[in-house]
Amino acid sequence: MTIEQVVLWIIIGGIAGLLADALVKGIRVGLVGAILIGILGAFIGGWLFGMLNISIGTGFISDVITAFVGAVLLLLLMRVLRRL
C-alpha cells in the first residue's frame, strides 16, 4: 500500500461520507467521522454490490458512488441503533 492509495482512500471516504452525512438527517459525525464513515461505507458498498452482482464500472466516480451507498446504509443503521 502506497501513500497515494491512502490519500485516495481518504479523499473518496471524505466525499462519500460528507454526501451521506448531508443526506441522512439525525446524525452529525463531523469531518473525521465522515471520512471514517465513507471508508467503512466503501467496504460495505463493495461487499453489497459484489453480493448483488451489481457493477457500476471502474474509476473515481464509481468508487465514490459505491462508498456513498455503503455510507448511507451505515448511517441509517447507526440512526436506528441510537433510537433503541
PDB file of N, CA and C in Angstrom:
ATOM      1  N   MET A   1       0.852  -1.166   0.000  1.00  0.00           N
ATOM      2  CA  MET A   1       0.000   0.000   0.000  1.00  0.00           C
ATOM      3  C   MET A   1       0.903   1.236   0.000  1.00  0.00           C
ATOM      4  N   THR A   2       0.648   2.096  -0.956  1.00  0.00           N
ATOM      5  CA  THR A   2       1.451   3.313  -1.071  1.00  0.00           C
ATOM      6  C   THR A   2       0.731   4.482  -0.416  1.00  0.00           C
ATOM      7  N   ILE A   3       1.444   5.559  -0.234  1.00  0.00           N
ATOM      8  CA  ILE A   3       0.859   6.755   0.361  1.00  0.00           C
ATOM      9  C   ILE A   3      -0.214   7.346  -0.557  1.00  0.00           C
ATOM     10  N   GLU A   4      -0.042   7.176  -1.864  1.00  0.00           N
ATOM     11  CA  GLU A   4      -1.055   7.666  -2.799  1.00  0.00           C
ATOM     12  C   GLU A   4      -2.380   6.937  -2.619  1.00  0.00           C
ATOM     13  N   GLN A   5      -2.317   5.635  -2.376  1.00  0.00           N
ATOM     14  CA  GLN A   5      -3.535   4.864  -2.151  1.00  0.00           C
ATOM     15  C   GLN A   5      -4.236   5.304  -0.870  1.00  0.00           C
ATOM     16  N   VAL A   6      -3.471   5.569   0.169  1.00  0.00           N
ATOM     17  CA  VAL A   6      -4.051   6.019   1.435  1.00  0.00           C
ATOM     18  C   VAL A   6      -4.718   7.370   1.253  1.00  0.00           C
ATOM     19  N   VAL A   7      -4.054   8.276   0.545  1.00  0.00           N
ATOM     20  CA  VAL A   7      -4.629   9.603   0.296  1.00  0.00           C
ATOM     21  C   VAL A   7      -5.901   9.471  -0.532  1.00  0.00           C
ATOM     22  N   LEU A   8      -5.912   8.596  -1.517  1.00  0.00           N
ATOM     23  CA  LEU A   8      -7.104   8.383  -2.334  1.00  0.00           C
ATOM     24  C   LEU A   8      -8.249   7.815  -1.502  1.00  0.00           C
ATOM     25  N   TRP A   9      -7.958   6.897  -0.584  1.00  0.00           N
ATOM     26  CA  TRP A   9      -8.982   6.372   0.320  1.00  0.00           C
ATOM     27  C   TRP A   9      -9.589   7.496   1.151  1.00  0.00           C
ATOM     28  N   ILE A  10      -8.727   8.385   1.667  1.00  0.00           N
ATOM     29  CA  ILE A  10      -9.207   9.496   2.498  1.00  0.00           C
ATOM     30  C   ILE A  10     -10.071  10.445   1.670  1.00  0.00           C
ATOM     31  N   ILE A  11      -9.673  10.730   0.458  1.00  0.00           N
ATOM     32  CA  ILE A  11     -10.445  11.635  -0.399  1.00  0.00           C
ATOM     33  C   ILE A  11     -11.796  11.018  -0.753  1.00  0.00           C
ATOM     34  N   ILE A  12     -11.790   9.771  -1.201  1.00  0.00           N
ATOM     35  CA  ILE A  12     -13.049   9.105  -1.552  1.00  0.00           C
ATOM     36  C   ILE A  12     -13.931   8.962  -0.315  1.00  0.00           C
ATOM     37  N   GLY A  13     -13.349   8.559   0.793  1.00  0.00           N
ATOM     38  CA  GLY A  13     -14.104   8.430   2.028  1.00  0.00           C
ATOM     39  C   GLY A  13     -14.682   9.751   2.486  1.00  0.00           C
ATOM     40  N   GLY A  14     -13.902  10.818   2.355  1.00  0.00           N
ATOM     41  CA  GLY A  14     -14.388  12.137   2.752  1.00  0.00           C
ATOM     42  C   GLY A  14     -15.546  12.609   1.901  1.00  0.00           C
ATOM     43  N   ILE A  15     -15.425  12.454   0.606  1.00  0.00           N
ATOM     44  CA  ILE A  15     -16.505  12.872  -0.300  1.00  0.00           C
ATOM     45  C   ILE A  15     -17.769  12.056  -0.027  1.00  0.00           C
ATOM     46  N   ALA A  16     -17.628  10.741   0.010  1.00  0.00           N
ATOM     47  CA  ALA A  16     -18.793   9.877   0.233  1.00  0.00           C
ATOM     48  C   ALA A  16     -19.401  10.103   1.605  1.00  0.00           C
ATOM     49  N   GLY A  17     -18.567  10.252   2.618  1.00  0.00           N
ATOM     50  CA  GLY A  17     -19.063  10.463   3.972  1.00  0.00           C
ATOM     51  C   GLY A  17     -19.780  11.787   4.134  1.00  0.00           C
ATOM     52  N   LEU A  18     -19.245  12.843   3.550  1.00  0.00           N
ATOM     53  CA  LEU A  18     -19.898  14.153   3.637  1.00  0.00           C
ATOM     54  C   LEU A  18     -21.230  14.156   2.897  1.00  0.00           C
ATOM     55  N   LEU A  19     -21.272  13.526   1.726  1.00  0.00           N
ATOM     56  CA  LEU A  19     -22.534  13.440   0.985  1.00  0.00           C
ATOM     57  C   LEU A  19     -23.574  12.622   1.760  1.00  0.00           C
ATOM     58  N   ALA A  20     -23.145  11.512   2.324  1.00  0.00           N
ATOM     59  CA  ALA A  20     -24.067  10.673   3.094  1.00  0.00           C
ATOM     60  C   ALA A  20     -24.539  11.403   4.349  1.00  0.00           C
ATOM     61  N   ASP A  21     -23.633  12.135   4.998  1.00  0.00           N
ATOM     62  CA  ASP A  21     -23.987  12.887   6.199  1.00  0.00           C
ATOM     63  C   ASP A  21     -24.999  13.981   5.880  1.00  0.00           C
ATOM     64  N   ALA A  22     -24.883  14.570   4.702  1.00  0.00           N
ATOM     65  CA  ALA A  22     -25.846  15.594   4.291  1.00  0.00           C
ATOM     66  C   ALA A  22     -27.206  14.984   3.946  1.00  0.00           C
ATOM     67  N   LEU A  23     -27.209  13.762   3.449  1.00  0.00           N
ATOM     68  CA  LEU A  23     -28.452  13.110   3.044  1.00  0.00           C
ATOM     69  C   LEU A  23     -29.219  12.527   4.229  1.00  0.00           C
ATOM     70  N   VAL A  24     -28.509  11.844   5.119  1.00  0.00           N
ATOM     71  CA  VAL A  24     -29.146  11.179   6.258  1.00  0.00           C
ATOM     72  C   VAL A  24     -29.246  12.178   7.404  1.00  0.00           C
ATOM     73  N   LYS A  25     -30.438  12.550   7.746  1.00  0.00           N
ATOM     74  CA  LYS A  25     -30.660  13.521   8.817  1.00  0.00           C
ATOM     75  C   LYS A  25     -30.689  12.805  10.165  1.00  0.00           C
ATOM     76  N   GLY A  26     -30.352  13.527  11.201  1.00  0.00           N
ATOM     77  CA  GLY A  26     -30.426  12.988  12.546  1.00  0.00           C
ATOM     78  C   GLY A  26     -29.097  12.540  13.106  1.00  0.00           C
ATOM     79  N   ILE A  27     -28.075  12.454  12.260  1.00  0.00           N
ATOM     80  CA  ILE A  27     -26.745  12.065  12.728  1.00  0.00           C
ATOM     81  C   ILE A  27     -25.741  13.042  12.128  1.00  0.00           C
ATOM     82  N   ARG A  28     -24.967  13.672  12.982  1.00  0.00           N
ATOM     83  CA  ARG A  28     -23.884  14.540  12.531  1.00  0.00           C
ATOM     84  C   ARG A  28     -22.584  13.944  13.042  1.00  0.00           C
ATOM     85  N   VAL A  29     -21.681  13.624  12.139  1.00  0.00           N
ATOM     86  CA  VAL A  29     -20.463  12.922  12.528  1.00  0.00           C
ATOM     87  C   VAL A  29     -19.209  13.783  12.431  1.00  0.00           C
ATOM     88  N   GLY A  30     -19.283  14.961  11.818  1.00  0.00           N
ATOM     89  CA  GLY A  30     -18.104  15.797  11.662  1.00  0.00           C
ATOM     90  C   GLY A  30     -17.228  15.340  10.515  1.00  0.00           C
ATOM     91  N   LEU A  31     -16.150  16.056  10.283  1.00  0.00           N
ATOM     92  CA  LEU A  31     -15.283  15.772   9.135  1.00  0.00           C
ATOM     93  C   LEU A  31     -14.544  14.445   9.286  1.00  0.00           C
ATOM     94  N   VAL A  32     -13.911  14.235  10.425  1.00  0.00           N
ATOM     95  CA  VAL A  32     -13.160  12.989  10.625  1.00  0.00           C
ATOM     96  C   VAL A  32     -14.120  11.802  10.639  1.00  0.00           C
ATOM     97  N   GLY A  33     -15.264  11.959  11.289  1.00  0.00           N
ATOM     98  CA  GLY A  33     -16.269  10.902  11.296  1.00  0.00           C
ATOM     99  C   GLY A  33     -16.782  10.610   9.900  1.00  0.00           C
ATOM    100  N   ALA A  34     -16.967  11.671   9.088  1.00  0.00           N
ATOM    101  CA  ALA A  34     -17.434  11.479   7.716  1.00  0.00           C
ATOM    102  C   ALA A  34     -16.415  10.695   6.892  1.00  0.00           C
ATOM    103  N   ILE A  35     -15.142  10.995   7.099  1.00  0.00           N
ATOM    104  CA  ILE A  35     -14.100  10.258   6.370  1.00  0.00           C
ATOM    105  C   ILE A  35     -14.123   8.785   6.780  1.00  0.00           C
ATOM    106  N   LEU A  36     -14.224   8.525   8.084  1.00  0.00           N
ATOM    107  CA  LEU A  36     -14.265   7.140   8.553  1.00  0.00           C
ATOM    108  C   LEU A  36     -15.524   6.425   8.075  1.00  0.00           C
ATOM    109  N   ILE A  37     -16.669   7.112   8.129  1.00  0.00           N
ATOM    110  CA  ILE A  37     -17.925   6.530   7.634  1.00  0.00           C
ATOM    111  C   ILE A  37     -17.801   6.232   6.141  1.00  0.00           C
ATOM    112  N   GLY A  38     -17.191   7.139   5.389  1.00  0.00           N
ATOM    113  CA  GLY A  38     -17.015   6.928   3.957  1.00  0.00           C
ATOM    114  C   GLY A  38     -16.112   5.756   3.636  1.00  0.00           C
ATOM    115  N   ILE A  39     -15.023   5.611   4.397  1.00  0.00           N
ATOM    116  CA  ILE A  39     -14.106   4.487   4.167  1.00  0.00           C
ATOM    117  C   ILE A  39     -14.795   3.168   4.523  1.00  0.00           C
ATOM    118  N   LEU A  40     -15.475   3.124   5.675  1.00  0.00           N
ATOM    119  CA  LEU A  40     -16.233   1.920   6.031  1.00  0.00           C
ATOM    120  C   LEU A  40     -17.351   1.672   5.030  1.00  0.00           C
ATOM    121  N   GLY A  41     -17.973   2.750   4.561  1.00  0.00           N
ATOM    122  CA  GLY A  41     -19.028   2.631   3.556  1.00  0.00           C
ATOM    123  C   GLY A  41     -18.517   2.044   2.255  1.00  0.00           C
ATOM    124  N   ALA A  42     -17.279   2.339   1.908  1.00  0.00           N
ATOM    125  CA  ALA A  42     -16.696   1.767   0.694  1.00  0.00           C
ATOM    126  C   ALA A  42     -16.596   0.253   0.807  1.00  0.00           C
ATOM    127  N   PHE A  43     -16.198  -0.231   1.985  1.00  0.00           N
ATOM    128  CA  PHE A  43     -16.142  -1.680   2.189  1.00  0.00           C
ATOM    129  C   PHE A  43     -17.541  -2.294   2.149  1.00  0.00           C
ATOM    130  N   ILE A  44     -18.486  -1.646   2.816  1.00  0.00           N
ATOM    131  CA  ILE A  44     -19.859  -2.155   2.842  1.00  0.00           C
ATOM    132  C   ILE A  44     -20.466  -2.128   1.442  1.00  0.00           C
ATOM    133  N   GLY A  45     -20.316  -1.006   0.740  1.00  0.00           N
ATOM    134  CA  GLY A  45     -20.855  -0.887  -0.608  1.00  0.00           C
ATOM    135  C   GLY A  45     -20.214  -1.873  -1.568  1.00  0.00           C
ATOM    136  N   GLY A  46     -18.900  -2.044  -1.469  1.00  0.00           N
ATOM    137  CA  GLY A  46     -18.213  -3.010  -2.320  1.00  0.00           C
ATOM    138  C   GLY A  46     -18.675  -4.431  -2.067  1.00  0.00           C
ATOM    139  N   TRP A  47     -18.857  -4.765  -0.792  1.00  0.00           N
ATOM    140  CA  TRP A  47     -19.350  -6.094  -0.452  1.00  0.00           C
ATOM    141  C   TRP A  47     -20.779  -6.288  -0.952  1.00  0.00           C
ATOM    142  N   LEU A  48     -21.627  -5.287  -0.713  1.00  0.00           N
ATOM    143  CA  LEU A  48     -23.033  -5.381  -1.108  1.00  0.00           C
ATOM    144  C   LEU A  48     -23.180  -5.482  -2.624  1.00  0.00           C
ATOM    145  N   PHE A  49     -22.476  -4.623  -3.357  1.00  0.00           N
ATOM    146  CA  PHE A  49     -22.554  -4.674  -4.816  1.00  0.00           C
ATOM    147  C   PHE A  49     -22.035  -6.002  -5.345  1.00  0.00           C
ATOM    148  N   GLY A  50     -20.995  -6.552  -4.707  1.00  0.00           N
ATOM    149  CA  GLY A  50     -20.474  -7.853  -5.114  1.00  0.00           C
ATOM    150  C   GLY A  50     -21.475  -8.968  -4.870  1.00  0.00           C
ATOM    151  N   MET A  51     -22.143  -8.918  -3.713  1.00  0.00           N
ATOM    152  CA  MET A  51     -23.138  -9.949  -3.392  1.00  0.00           C
ATOM    153  C   MET A  51     -24.352  -9.877  -4.319  1.00  0.00           C
ATOM    154  N   LEU A  52     -24.721  -8.674  -4.729  1.00  0.00           N
ATOM    155  CA  LEU A  52     -25.876  -8.492  -5.610  1.00  0.00           C
ATOM    156  C   LEU A  52     -25.505  -8.526  -7.090  1.00  0.00           C
ATOM    157  N   ASN A  53     -24.221  -8.761  -7.378  1.00  0.00           N
ATOM    158  CA  ASN A  53     -23.728  -8.806  -8.758  1.00  0.00           C
ATOM    159  C   ASN A  53     -23.993  -7.503  -9.511  1.00  0.00           C
ATOM    160  N   ILE A  54     -23.805  -6.378  -8.851  1.00  0.00           N
ATOM    161  CA  ILE A  54     -24.007  -5.067  -9.457  1.00  0.00           C
ATOM    162  C   ILE A  54     -22.640  -4.494  -9.808  1.00  0.00           C
ATOM    163  N   SER A  55     -22.488  -4.066 -11.042  1.00  0.00           N
ATOM    164  CA  SER A  55     -21.255  -3.425 -11.474  1.00  0.00           C
ATOM    165  C   SER A  55     -21.593  -2.052 -12.031  1.00  0.00           C
ATOM    166  N   ILE A  56     -21.014  -1.021 -11.428  1.00  0.00           N
ATOM    167  CA  ILE A  56     -21.260   0.334 -11.919  1.00  0.00           C
ATOM    168  C   ILE A  56     -20.051   0.895 -12.635  1.00  0.00           C
ATOM    169  N   GLY A  57     -19.099   0.050 -12.929  1.00  0.00           N
ATOM    170  CA  GLY A  57     -17.937   0.481 -13.678  1.00  0.00           C
ATOM    171  C   GLY A  57     -16.717   0.621 -12.782  1.00  0.00           C
ATOM    172  N   THR A  58     -15.705   1.266 -13.342  1.00  0.00           N
ATOM    173  CA  THR A  58     -14.466   1.481 -12.607  1.00  0.00           C
ATOM    174  C   THR A  58     -14.128   2.960 -12.644  1.00  0.00           C
ATOM    175  N   GLY A  59     -13.251   3.341 -11.785  1.00  0.00           N
ATOM    176  CA  GLY A  59     -12.805   4.722 -11.764  1.00  0.00           C
ATOM    177  C   GLY A  59     -13.225   5.451 -10.494  1.00  0.00           C
ATOM    178  N   PHE A  60     -12.831   6.703 -10.429  1.00  0.00           N
ATOM    179  CA  PHE A  60     -13.030   7.520  -9.244  1.00  0.00           C
ATOM    180  C   PHE A  60     -14.506   7.715  -8.913  1.00  0.00           C
ATOM    181  N   ILE A  61     -15.316   8.059  -9.915  1.00  0.00           N
ATOM    182  CA  ILE A  61     -16.737   8.333  -9.684  1.00  0.00           C
ATOM    183  C   ILE A  61     -17.460   7.077  -9.200  1.00  0.00           C
ATOM    184  N   SER A  62     -17.175   5.936  -9.791  1.00  0.00           N
ATOM    185  CA  SER A  62     -17.836   4.698  -9.349  1.00  0.00           C
ATOM    186  C   SER A  62     -17.406   4.325  -7.934  1.00  0.00           C
ATOM    187  N   ASP A  63     -16.152   4.609  -7.580  1.00  0.00           N
ATOM    188  CA  ASP A  63     -15.701   4.357  -6.212  1.00  0.00           C
ATOM    189  C   ASP A  63     -16.437   5.248  -5.222  1.00  0.00           C
ATOM    190  N   VAL A  64     -16.638   6.509  -5.583  1.00  0.00           N
ATOM    191  CA  VAL A  64     -17.364   7.429  -4.707  1.00  0.00           C
ATOM    192  C   VAL A  64     -18.820   6.985  -4.564  1.00  0.00           C
ATOM    193  N   ILE A  65     -19.449   6.564  -5.656  1.00  0.00           N
ATOM    194  CA  ILE A  65     -20.840   6.107  -5.606  1.00  0.00           C
ATOM    195  C   ILE A  65     -20.963   4.869  -4.723  1.00  0.00           C
ATOM    196  N   THR A  66     -20.052   3.925  -4.881  1.00  0.00           N
ATOM    197  CA  THR A  66     -20.067   2.716  -4.066  1.00  0.00           C
ATOM    198  C   THR A  66     -19.891   3.056  -2.591  1.00  0.00           C
ATOM    199  N   ALA A  67     -18.937   3.921  -2.281  1.00  0.00           N
ATOM    200  CA  ALA A  67     -18.706   4.329  -0.903  1.00  0.00           C
ATOM    201  C   ALA A  67     -19.897   5.105  -0.351  1.00  0.00           C
ATOM    202  N   PHE A  68     -20.519   5.926  -1.181  1.00  0.00           N
ATOM    203  CA  PHE A  68     -21.683   6.706  -0.761  1.00  0.00           C
ATOM    204  C   PHE A  68     -22.845   5.795  -0.380  1.00  0.00           C
ATOM    205  N   VAL A  69     -23.118   4.791  -1.199  1.00  0.00           N
ATOM    206  CA  VAL A  69     -24.220   3.859  -0.912  1.00  0.00           C
ATOM    207  C   VAL A  69     -23.948   3.129   0.409  1.00  0.00           C
ATOM    208  N   GLY A  70     -22.735   2.656   0.579  1.00  0.00           N
ATOM    209  CA  GLY A  70     -22.392   1.978   1.831  1.00  0.00           C
ATOM    210  C   GLY A  70     -22.446   2.908   3.029  1.00  0.00           C
ATOM    211  N   ALA A  71     -22.007   4.154   2.859  1.00  0.00           N
ATOM    212  CA  ALA A  71     -22.027   5.119   3.954  1.00  0.00           C
ATOM    213  C   ALA A  71     -23.455   5.472   4.353  1.00  0.00           C
ATOM    214  N   VAL A  72     -24.348   5.610   3.366  1.00  0.00           N
ATOM    215  CA  VAL A  72     -25.757   5.882   3.679  1.00  0.00           C
ATOM    216  C   VAL A  72     -26.348   4.726   4.466  1.00  0.00           C
ATOM    217  N   LEU A  73     -26.083   3.509   4.044  1.00  0.00           N
ATOM    218  CA  LEU A  73     -26.590   2.342   4.773  1.00  0.00           C
ATOM    219  C   LEU A  73     -26.038   2.297   6.199  1.00  0.00           C
ATOM    220  N   LEU A  74     -24.766   2.609   6.353  1.00  0.00           N
ATOM    221  CA  LEU A  74     -24.152   2.609   7.675  1.00  0.00           C
ATOM    222  C   LEU A  74     -24.753   3.692   8.565  1.00  0.00           C
ATOM    223  N   LEU A  75     -24.987   4.886   8.035  1.00  0.00           N
ATOM    224  CA  LEU A  75     -25.591   5.960   8.825  1.00  0.00           C
ATOM    225  C   LEU A  75     -27.038   5.644   9.186  1.00  0.00           C
ATOM    226  N   LEU A  76     -27.766   5.025   8.275  1.00  0.00           N
ATOM    227  CA  LEU A  76     -29.143   4.621   8.593  1.00  0.00           C
ATOM    228  C   LEU A  76     -29.152   3.578   9.705  1.00  0.00           C
ATOM    229  N   LEU A  77     -28.229   2.644   9.659  1.00  0.00           N
ATOM    230  CA  LEU A  77     -28.115   1.646  10.709  1.00  0.00           C
ATOM    231  C   LEU A  77     -27.754   2.309  12.043  1.00  0.00           C
ATOM    232  N   MET A  78     -26.850   3.267  12.017  1.00  0.00           N
ATOM    233  CA  MET A  78     -26.466   3.985  13.236  1.00  0.00           C
ATOM    234  C   MET A  78     -27.660   4.752  13.805  1.00  0.00           C
ATOM    235  N   ARG A  79     -28.460   5.353  12.937  1.00  0.00           N
ATOM    236  CA  ARG A  79     -29.616   6.102  13.395  1.00  0.00           C
ATOM    237  C   ARG A  79     -30.626   5.180  14.053  1.00  0.00           C
ATOM    238  N   VAL A  80     -30.846   4.012  13.482  1.00  0.00           N
ATOM    239  CA  VAL A  80     -31.782   3.044  14.071  1.00  0.00           C
ATOM    240  C   VAL A  80     -31.255   2.563  15.425  1.00  0.00           C
ATOM    241  N   LEU A  81     -29.964   2.258  15.498  1.00  0.00           N
ATOM    242  CA  LEU A  81     -29.403   1.751  16.745  1.00  0.00           C
ATOM    243  C   LEU A  81     -29.396   2.800  17.842  1.00  0.00           C
ATOM    244  N   ARG A  82     -29.251   4.068  17.499  1.00  0.00           N
ATOM    245  CA  ARG A  82     -29.283   5.130  18.506  1.00  0.00           C
ATOM    246  C   ARG A  82     -30.658   5.301  19.129  1.00  0.00           C
ATOM    247  N   ARG A  83     -31.677   4.974  18.393  1.00  0.00           N
ATOM    248  CA  ARG A  83     -33.050   5.136  18.891  1.00  0.00           C
ATOM    249  C   ARG A  83     -33.483   3.981  19.779  1.00  0.00           C
ATOM    250  N   LEU A  84     -32.700   2.898  19.792  1.00  0.00           N
ATOM    251  CA  LEU A  84     -33.074   1.751  20.641  1.00  0.00           C
ATOM    252  C   LEU A  84     -32.681   1.985  22.078  1.00  0.00           C
TER     253      LEU A  84
END
